Amino acid sequence: MDVVIIGAGGHGRELHTYVEDVNADRQTFNLLGFVDDSPARPEQVYGTPVLGGSEWLEQHPDVMIFLGIGSGRARKMFTERFGAARLASLIHPTAQVKRNVTYGPGLQATPLSFISNDAALGVSVVVNVRATVGHDNRLGDFITVAPHAALVGSITCGDGVEVGVGAHVRQGINLGAWCVVGGGAMVIKDVQPGITVGGIPAKPLTPSA
């Protein structure tokens, strides 16, 4: 499968390494290069060429895409531009994806991440290093679960939710669309859409949108 990574920053560089790990286990991806819209983009990353801006992908419609971008809103923008069908999924060899898990295009299950039984994940969900998505969770599109974060069982997340580093969300909680759970937070109550919560227990840090 021919693929290109959108974004030559930190997340994109990590994906480059994860692609190498996957290919070392079983040759799966032919990584052609990166595209990046920054005027300060490098010419290459780890010896892999930066092919130009994202318009390169419009000229090569058969090439699949890894979204090497941390921002859920940016991932949404590129998905709307190029279509979800072009998003490639990556499951690292050390990740665990358990029985009856379903997921949309563009899943990134990174090293030592864990997705438990009967979870359902939408489009372009990033489950970062050592993060946990518990059983029966229902995750929307463009969600980011940061390293060491844990969503235990039967949690529902709207689109665009961001769960910060080391945060924990109690079983059965609803996280509203585009809310942010701060790093290290402990969420024991539902979170309304568009707000940021933090602390132990988590409390709102911003008003509702």
Protein backbone atom coordinates (compact mmCIF):
# COMPACT_ATOMS: atom_id res chain seq x y z
CA MET A 1 0.00 0.00 0.00
CA ASP A 2 1.44 3.36 -1.05
CA VAL A 3 1.07 5.91 1.75
CA VAL A 4 2.08 9.48 2.56
CA ILE A 5 2.15 11.14 5.97
CA ILE A 6 0.51 14.55 6.23
CA GLY A 7 2.60 16.56 8.66
CA ALA A 8 6.37 16.48 9.17
CA GLY A 9 6.20 17.61 12.81
CA GLY A 10 6.41 15.55 15.97
CA HIS A 11 3.40 13.30 15.44
CA GLY A 12 4.30 12.72 11.82
CA ARG A 13 7.85 11.76 12.73
CA GLU A 14 6.51 9.30 15.32
CA LEU A 15 4.27 7.75 12.67
CA HIS A 16 7.32 7.32 10.43
CA THR A 17 8.92 5.20 13.16
CA TYR A 18 5.71 3.24 13.75
CA VAL A 19 5.48 2.46 10.03
CA GLU A 20 9.03 1.09 10.18
CA ASP A 21 8.03 -1.06 13.16
CA VAL A 22 5.00 -2.44 11.33
CA ASN A 23 7.04 -3.19 8.23
CA ALA A 24 9.73 -4.93 10.28
CA ASP A 25 7.04 -7.26 11.60
CA ARG A 26 5.33 -7.67 8.20
CA GLN A 27 5.85 -5.56 5.09
CA THR A 28 2.61 -3.59 4.84
CA PHE A 29 3.24 0.01 3.80
CA ASN A 30 5.28 1.64 1.05
CA LEU A 31 5.95 5.03 2.60
CA LEU A 32 6.51 7.45 -0.28
CA GLY A 33 7.18 10.49 1.89
CA PHE A 34 5.64 13.37 3.78
CA VAL A 35 3.59 16.37 2.73
CA ASP A 36 3.49 19.51 4.85
CA ASP A 37 1.96 22.93 4.22
CA SER A 38 4.42 24.83 6.40
CA PRO A 39 6.70 27.19 4.44
CA ALA A 40 9.47 26.05 6.79
CA ARG A 41 8.99 22.35 6.00
CA PRO A 42 12.21 20.31 5.78
CA GLU A 43 13.39 18.60 2.62
CA GLN A 44 13.48 15.19 4.28
CA VAL A 45 12.72 13.41 7.57
CA TYR A 46 14.89 10.48 8.61
CA GLY A 47 15.96 10.12 4.98
CA THR A 48 12.36 10.08 3.69
CA PRO A 49 11.54 12.94 1.29
CA VAL A 50 9.08 15.73 1.96
CA LEU A 51 7.22 15.79 -1.35
CA GLY A 52 5.72 19.25 -1.04
CA GLY A 53 2.48 20.67 0.30
CA SER A 54 -0.80 18.82 0.69
CA GLU A 55 -1.76 19.69 -2.89
CA TRP A 56 0.60 16.84 -3.88
CA LEU A 57 -2.12 14.45 -2.72
CA GLU A 58 -4.65 15.98 -5.10
CA GLN A 59 -2.33 15.02 -7.97
CA HIS A 60 -1.95 11.44 -6.67
CA PRO A 61 -5.48 10.30 -5.76
CA ASP A 62 -4.57 6.62 -5.39
CA VAL A 63 -2.10 7.22 -2.55
CA MET A 64 -3.37 6.52 0.96
CA ILE A 65 -2.87 8.95 3.83
CA PHE A 66 -1.64 8.87 7.41
CA LEU A 67 -2.73 11.96 9.33
CA GLY A 68 0.43 12.85 11.25
CA ILE A 69 -1.30 15.68 13.08
CA GLY A 70 -2.17 15.88 16.76
CA SER A 71 -5.08 18.31 16.39
CA GLY A 72 -8.47 16.66 15.96
CA ARG A 73 -9.81 19.73 14.16
CA ALA A 74 -6.95 19.61 11.66
CA ARG A 75 -7.53 15.89 11.09
CA LYS A 76 -11.21 16.65 10.48
CA MET A 77 -10.29 19.35 7.94
CA PHE A 78 -8.01 17.04 5.95
CA THR A 79 -10.53 14.19 6.11
CA GLU A 80 -13.22 16.44 4.67
CA ARG A 81 -10.82 17.57 1.97
CA PHE A 82 -9.51 14.17 0.85
CA GLY A 83 -12.21 11.77 2.07
CA ALA A 84 -12.20 9.20 4.86
CA ALA A 85 -11.74 6.37 2.35
CA ARG A 86 -8.14 7.51 1.78
CA LEU A 87 -7.16 7.27 5.45
CA ALA A 88 -4.87 4.36 6.26
CA SER A 89 -5.02 2.73 9.70
CA LEU A 90 -1.96 1.72 11.69
CA ILE A 91 -1.93 -0.84 14.48
CA HIS A 92 1.51 -1.10 16.04
CA PRO A 93 2.83 -4.65 16.63
CA THR A 94 2.83 -4.04 20.39
CA ALA A 95 -0.71 -2.62 20.48
CA GLN A 96 -3.56 -4.87 21.58
CA VAL A 97 -6.93 -4.69 19.84
CA LYS A 98 -9.26 -7.21 21.43
CA ARG A 99 -12.35 -9.16 20.39
CA ASN A 100 -15.23 -7.51 18.49
CA VAL A 101 -13.57 -4.09 18.27
CA THR A 102 -14.74 -1.99 15.33
CA TYR A 103 -13.08 1.16 14.01
CA GLY A 104 -13.34 3.59 11.14
CA PRO A 105 -10.63 4.63 8.69
CA GLY A 106 -7.50 6.25 10.05
CA LEU A 107 -7.18 4.47 13.40
CA GLN A 108 -3.75 4.90 15.01
CA ALA A 109 -3.16 2.34 17.74
CA THR A 110 0.36 3.25 18.84
CA PRO A 111 2.95 1.30 20.87
CA LEU A 112 1.57 -0.56 23.90
CA SER A 113 -1.92 0.90 23.50
CA PHE A 114 -4.88 -1.27 24.48
CA ILE A 115 -8.39 -1.34 23.01
CA SER A 116 -10.66 -3.73 24.87
CA ASN A 117 -13.53 -5.96 23.86
CA ASP A 118 -16.55 -4.62 21.96
CA ALA A 119 -15.30 -1.03 21.74
CA ALA A 120 -16.40 0.99 18.71
CA LEU A 121 -14.18 3.79 17.39
CA GLY A 122 -14.96 6.29 14.65
CA VAL A 123 -12.85 7.92 11.96
CA SER A 124 -9.29 9.11 12.69
CA VAL A 125 -9.07 8.08 16.33
CA VAL A 126 -5.58 8.25 17.88
CA VAL A 127 -4.91 5.94 20.84
CA ASN A 128 -1.50 7.03 21.97
CA VAL A 129 1.35 5.24 23.73
CA ARG A 130 0.16 3.09 26.68
CA ALA A 131 -3.34 4.56 26.50
CA THR A 132 -6.38 2.37 27.25
CA VAL A 133 -9.81 2.31 25.64
CA GLY A 134 -11.99 0.07 27.78
CA HIS A 135 -14.69 -2.43 26.91
CA ASP A 136 -17.91 -1.22 25.27
CA ASN A 137 -16.64 2.32 24.79
CA ARG A 138 -18.26 4.32 21.99
CA LEU A 139 -15.85 6.87 20.52
CA GLY A 140 -16.79 9.32 17.78
CA ASP A 141 -14.54 10.77 15.08
CA PHE A 142 -11.25 12.71 15.43
CA ILE A 143 -10.69 11.74 19.07
CA THR A 144 -7.25 11.85 20.68
CA VAL A 145 -6.42 9.70 23.72
CA ALA A 146 -3.03 10.89 24.96
CA PRO A 147 -0.25 8.71 26.40
CA HIS A 148 -1.11 6.81 29.59
CA ALA A 149 -4.73 8.02 29.56
CA ALA A 150 -7.45 5.53 30.45
CA LEU A 151 -11.07 5.40 29.34
CA VAL A 152 -12.56 2.52 31.33
CA GLY A 153 -15.72 0.64 30.38
CA SER A 154 -18.89 1.89 28.68
CA ILE A 155 -17.80 5.49 28.08
CA THR A 156 -19.33 7.53 25.27
CA CYS A 157 -17.25 10.25 23.57
CA GLY A 158 -18.57 12.74 21.03
CA ASP A 159 -16.50 13.83 18.06
CA GLY A 160 -13.22 15.62 18.65
CA VAL A 161 -12.76 14.80 22.33
CA GLU A 162 -9.20 15.18 23.61
CA VAL A 163 -8.16 13.21 26.70
CA GLY A 164 -4.88 14.48 28.12
CA VAL A 165 -1.78 12.66 29.30
CA GLY A 166 -2.46 10.36 32.24
CA ALA A 167 -6.12 11.34 32.58
CA HIS A 168 -8.64 8.78 33.82
CA VAL A 169 -12.34 8.66 33.00
CA ARG A 170 -14.69 6.61 35.18
CA GLN A 171 -16.95 3.92 33.79
CA GLY A 172 -20.18 5.02 32.16
CA ILE A 173 -19.24 8.69 31.68
CA ASN A 174 -20.36 10.75 28.68
CA LEU A 175 -17.79 13.16 27.19
CA GLY A 176 -19.41 15.79 24.99
CA ALA A 177 -18.13 16.67 21.53
CA TRP A 178 -14.90 18.69 21.33
CA CYS A 179 -14.42 18.78 25.09
CA VAL A 180 -10.91 18.56 26.56
CA VAL A 181 -9.90 16.53 29.61
CA GLY A 182 -6.73 18.00 31.05
CA GLY A 183 -3.65 15.93 31.76
CA GLY A 184 -3.81 13.98 35.01
CA ALA A 185 -7.52 14.65 35.53
CA MET A 186 -9.93 12.19 37.12
CA VAL A 187 -13.36 12.47 35.50
CA ILE A 188 -16.25 11.21 37.65
CA LYS A 189 -19.11 13.20 36.09
CA ASP A 190 -20.32 13.78 32.55
CA VAL A 191 -18.55 16.56 30.64
CA GLN A 192 -20.57 18.95 28.49
CA PRO A 193 -19.60 19.65 24.87
CA GLY A 194 -16.89 22.18 24.14
CA ILE A 195 -15.51 22.73 27.63
CA THR A 196 -12.19 21.94 29.28
CA VAL A 197 -12.05 20.12 32.60
CA GLY A 198 -9.11 19.42 34.86
CA GLY A 199 -8.12 18.35 38.33
CA ILE A 200 -9.08 15.59 40.77
CA PRO A 201 -11.99 15.32 40.61
CA ALA A 202 -12.25 17.07 37.24
CA LYS A 203 -14.06 20.42 37.21
CA PRO A 204 -14.80 22.86 34.38
CA LEU A 205 -12.01 25.27 33.52
CA THR A 206 -13.87 26.97 30.64
CA PRO A 207 -17.53 27.88 30.10
CA SER A 208 -19.75 25.90 27.75
CA ALA A 209 -19.39 26.81 24.08
